[in-house]
């Protein structure tokens, strides 16, 4: 993972978020309501286009998805 760019990592995070959300049969609207993040922002994350994401947002998504560990969302690092 050391040779990946920031943009590539954002795509990987987005792919992982979408995968988990779909596994939990959750819509973007439902995740938005639970996390307090806008639907458009979540879509940007899922498409790897949210370059202003911060640890607070990652934590909100992790909690909203009821994951056992934040690493479940960030396992690709």
N, C-alpha and C. Protein backbone atom coordinates (compact mmCIF):
# COMPACT_ATOMS: atom_id res chain seq x y z
N UNK A 1 0.82 -1.19 0.00
CA UNK A 1 0.00 0.00 0.00
C UNK A 1 0.87 1.26 0.00
N UNK A 2 2.17 1.10 0.22
CA UNK A 2 3.05 2.26 0.32
C UNK A 2 3.15 3.05 -0.98
N UNK A 3 2.95 2.42 -2.11
CA UNK A 3 3.12 3.10 -3.39
C UNK A 3 1.82 3.66 -3.95
N UNK A 4 0.77 3.65 -3.18
CA UNK A 4 -0.50 4.19 -3.67
C UNK A 4 -0.57 5.68 -3.38
N UNK A 5 -1.25 6.39 -4.27
CA UNK A 5 -1.44 7.82 -4.08
C UNK A 5 -2.63 8.07 -3.15
N UNK A 6 -2.72 9.28 -2.69
CA UNK A 6 -3.85 9.67 -1.84
C UNK A 6 -5.17 9.43 -2.58
N UNK A 7 -5.21 9.79 -3.85
CA UNK A 7 -6.42 9.61 -4.64
C UNK A 7 -6.81 8.14 -4.75
N UNK A 8 -5.82 7.27 -4.91
CA UNK A 8 -6.09 5.84 -5.00
C UNK A 8 -6.64 5.32 -3.67
N UNK A 9 -6.13 5.83 -2.57
CA UNK A 9 -6.62 5.42 -1.26
C UNK A 9 -8.05 5.88 -1.03
N UNK A 10 -8.38 7.04 -1.54
CA UNK A 10 -9.76 7.53 -1.40
C UNK A 10 -10.72 6.65 -2.20
N UNK A 11 -10.28 6.16 -3.35
CA UNK A 11 -11.10 5.23 -4.13
C UNK A 11 -11.27 3.92 -3.37
N UNK A 12 -10.20 3.43 -2.75
CA UNK A 12 -10.28 2.19 -1.97
C UNK A 12 -11.22 2.36 -0.78
N UNK A 13 -11.14 3.49 -0.10
CA UNK A 13 -12.05 3.75 1.02
C UNK A 13 -13.48 3.80 0.53
N UNK A 14 -13.72 4.47 -0.57
CA UNK A 14 -15.07 4.54 -1.13
C UNK A 14 -15.63 3.18 -1.51
N UNK A 15 -14.79 2.37 -2.13
CA UNK A 15 -15.21 1.02 -2.50
C UNK A 15 -15.57 0.20 -1.26
N UNK A 16 -14.75 0.32 -0.24
CA UNK A 16 -14.99 -0.43 1.00
C UNK A 16 -16.26 0.04 1.69
N UNK A 17 -16.46 1.35 1.74
CA UNK A 17 -17.68 1.90 2.35
C UNK A 17 -18.92 1.38 1.63
N UNK A 18 -18.91 1.44 0.32
CA UNK A 18 -20.06 0.97 -0.45
C UNK A 18 -20.30 -0.52 -0.24
N UNK A 19 -19.23 -1.30 -0.22
CA UNK A 19 -19.33 -2.74 0.00
C UNK A 19 -19.99 -3.04 1.34
N UNK A 20 -19.53 -2.39 2.39
CA UNK A 20 -20.09 -2.64 3.73
C UNK A 20 -21.54 -2.16 3.80
N UNK A 21 -21.80 -0.99 3.26
CA UNK A 21 -23.17 -0.44 3.29
C UNK A 21 -24.14 -1.39 2.59
N UNK A 22 -23.74 -1.91 1.45
CA UNK A 22 -24.61 -2.84 0.71
C UNK A 22 -24.76 -4.17 1.44
N UNK A 23 -23.70 -4.65 2.07
CA UNK A 23 -23.79 -5.89 2.85
C UNK A 23 -24.81 -5.75 3.97
N UNK A 24 -24.92 -4.56 4.50
CA UNK A 24 -25.86 -4.30 5.59
C UNK A 24 -27.23 -3.86 5.08
N UNK A 25 -27.43 -3.97 3.76
CA UNK A 25 -28.70 -3.59 3.12
C UNK A 25 -29.13 -2.18 3.53
N UNK A 26 -28.18 -1.27 3.54
CA UNK A 26 -28.43 0.09 3.95
C UNK A 26 -28.35 1.00 2.72
N UNK A 27 -29.29 1.92 2.60
CA UNK A 27 -29.23 2.88 1.51
C UNK A 27 -28.32 4.05 1.90
N UNK A 28 -27.96 4.83 0.91
CA UNK A 28 -27.17 6.02 1.20
C UNK A 28 -27.97 6.97 2.08
N UNK A 29 -29.28 7.07 1.84
CA UNK A 29 -30.13 7.93 2.67
C UNK A 29 -30.13 7.47 4.13
N UNK A 30 -30.21 6.17 4.34
CA UNK A 30 -30.19 5.65 5.71
C UNK A 30 -28.85 5.93 6.39
N UNK A 31 -27.78 5.72 5.66
CA UNK A 31 -26.45 6.00 6.22
C UNK A 31 -26.30 7.49 6.52
N UNK A 32 -26.83 8.29 5.65
CA UNK A 32 -26.79 9.74 5.86
C UNK A 32 -27.51 10.13 7.15
N UNK A 33 -28.69 9.58 7.34
CA UNK A 33 -29.47 9.89 8.55
C UNK A 33 -28.74 9.43 9.81
N UNK A 34 -28.16 8.24 9.77
CA UNK A 34 -27.47 7.71 10.94
C UNK A 34 -26.17 8.45 11.24
N UNK A 35 -25.46 8.85 10.20
CA UNK A 35 -24.13 9.45 10.39
C UNK A 35 -24.15 10.96 10.54
N UNK A 36 -25.21 11.59 10.05
CA UNK A 36 -25.25 13.04 10.06
C UNK A 36 -24.49 13.66 8.90
N UNK A 37 -24.00 12.84 7.98
CA UNK A 37 -23.32 13.32 6.79
C UNK A 37 -24.32 13.39 5.64
N UNK A 38 -24.16 14.33 4.75
CA UNK A 38 -25.12 14.49 3.65
C UNK A 38 -25.02 13.33 2.66
N UNK A 39 -26.11 13.08 1.96
CA UNK A 39 -26.11 12.01 0.95
C UNK A 39 -25.11 12.34 -0.15
N UNK A 40 -25.02 13.59 -0.55
CA UNK A 40 -24.08 13.95 -1.62
C UNK A 40 -22.64 13.72 -1.18
N UNK A 41 -22.35 13.97 0.08
CA UNK A 41 -20.99 13.75 0.59
C UNK A 41 -20.68 12.26 0.63
N UNK A 42 -21.63 11.45 1.08
CA UNK A 42 -21.41 9.99 1.11
C UNK A 42 -21.21 9.46 -0.30
N UNK A 43 -21.98 9.97 -1.26
CA UNK A 43 -21.78 9.57 -2.65
C UNK A 43 -20.38 9.92 -3.13
N UNK A 44 -19.91 11.11 -2.77
CA UNK A 44 -18.55 11.52 -3.16
C UNK A 44 -17.52 10.58 -2.54
N UNK A 45 -17.73 10.19 -1.29
CA UNK A 45 -16.80 9.25 -0.65
C UNK A 45 -16.81 7.93 -1.41
N UNK A 46 -18.00 7.42 -1.69
CA UNK A 46 -18.10 6.13 -2.38
C UNK A 46 -17.49 6.15 -3.77
N UNK A 47 -17.50 7.31 -4.42
CA UNK A 47 -16.90 7.42 -5.75
C UNK A 47 -15.44 7.86 -5.70
N UNK A 48 -14.89 7.96 -4.48
CA UNK A 48 -13.49 8.33 -4.34
C UNK A 48 -13.21 9.78 -4.67
N UNK A 49 -14.22 10.64 -4.54
CA UNK A 49 -14.08 12.04 -4.91
C UNK A 49 -14.15 12.99 -3.72
N UNK A 50 -14.13 12.48 -2.51
CA UNK A 50 -14.20 13.32 -1.31
C UNK A 50 -12.80 13.47 -0.74
N UNK A 51 -12.09 14.46 -1.22
CA UNK A 51 -10.70 14.64 -0.82
C UNK A 51 -10.57 15.44 0.47
N UNK A 52 -11.68 15.91 1.01
CA UNK A 52 -11.65 16.67 2.26
C UNK A 52 -12.11 15.82 3.45
N UNK A 53 -12.15 14.53 3.29
CA UNK A 53 -12.61 13.66 4.37
C UNK A 53 -11.62 13.71 5.54
N UNK A 54 -12.14 13.68 6.74
CA UNK A 54 -11.27 13.70 7.91
C UNK A 54 -11.63 12.55 8.84
N UNK A 55 -10.86 12.38 9.88
CA UNK A 55 -11.03 11.24 10.78
C UNK A 55 -12.40 11.28 11.47
N UNK A 56 -12.94 12.47 11.71
CA UNK A 56 -14.27 12.58 12.31
C UNK A 56 -15.33 11.95 11.41
N UNK A 57 -15.23 12.21 10.12
CA UNK A 57 -16.18 11.63 9.17
C UNK A 57 -16.05 10.11 9.11
N UNK A 58 -14.81 9.63 9.09
CA UNK A 58 -14.57 8.19 9.08
C UNK A 58 -15.16 7.56 10.34
N UNK A 59 -14.96 8.21 11.48
CA UNK A 59 -15.51 7.70 12.74
C UNK A 59 -17.04 7.70 12.71
N UNK A 60 -17.66 8.73 12.17
CA UNK A 60 -19.12 8.78 12.09
C UNK A 60 -19.64 7.63 11.22
N UNK A 61 -18.97 7.35 10.13
CA UNK A 61 -19.39 6.25 9.26
C UNK A 61 -19.21 4.91 9.96
N UNK A 62 -18.09 4.73 10.61
CA UNK A 62 -17.82 3.50 11.36
C UNK A 62 -18.90 3.25 12.40
N UNK A 63 -19.24 4.24 13.18
CA UNK A 63 -20.27 4.09 14.22
C UNK A 63 -21.64 3.82 13.59
N UNK A 64 -21.95 4.51 12.53
CA UNK A 64 -23.25 4.37 11.88
C UNK A 64 -23.44 3.00 11.24
N UNK A 65 -22.35 2.38 10.85
CA UNK A 65 -22.41 1.05 10.23
C UNK A 65 -22.35 -0.07 11.27
N UNK A 66 -22.22 0.29 12.54
CA UNK A 66 -22.17 -0.69 13.64
C UNK A 66 -21.07 -1.73 13.42
N UNK A 67 -19.88 -1.25 13.07
CA UNK A 67 -18.76 -2.15 12.83
C UNK A 67 -18.07 -2.47 14.15
N UNK A 68 -17.47 -3.63 14.24
CA UNK A 68 -16.78 -4.05 15.45
C UNK A 68 -15.52 -3.21 15.68
N UNK A 69 -14.88 -2.81 14.60
CA UNK A 69 -13.65 -2.05 14.69
C UNK A 69 -13.58 -1.08 13.53
N UNK A 70 -12.94 0.05 13.74
CA UNK A 70 -12.77 1.01 12.65
C UNK A 70 -11.93 0.40 11.53
N UNK A 71 -11.10 -0.58 11.89
CA UNK A 71 -10.28 -1.26 10.88
C UNK A 71 -11.13 -2.06 9.89
N UNK A 72 -12.35 -2.39 10.26
CA UNK A 72 -13.24 -3.05 9.31
C UNK A 72 -13.52 -2.15 8.11
N UNK A 73 -13.50 -0.85 8.33
CA UNK A 73 -13.71 0.11 7.26
C UNK A 73 -12.40 0.44 6.56
N UNK A 74 -11.30 0.41 7.29
CA UNK A 74 -10.01 0.82 6.76
C UNK A 74 -9.05 -0.33 6.51
N UNK A 75 -9.56 -1.54 6.35
CA UNK A 75 -8.69 -2.71 6.28
C UNK A 75 -7.71 -2.69 5.11
N UNK A 76 -7.95 -1.91 4.10
CA UNK A 76 -7.09 -1.89 2.91
C UNK A 76 -5.77 -1.17 3.16
N UNK A 77 -5.65 -0.41 4.27
CA UNK A 77 -4.40 0.27 4.58
C UNK A 77 -3.46 -0.76 5.09
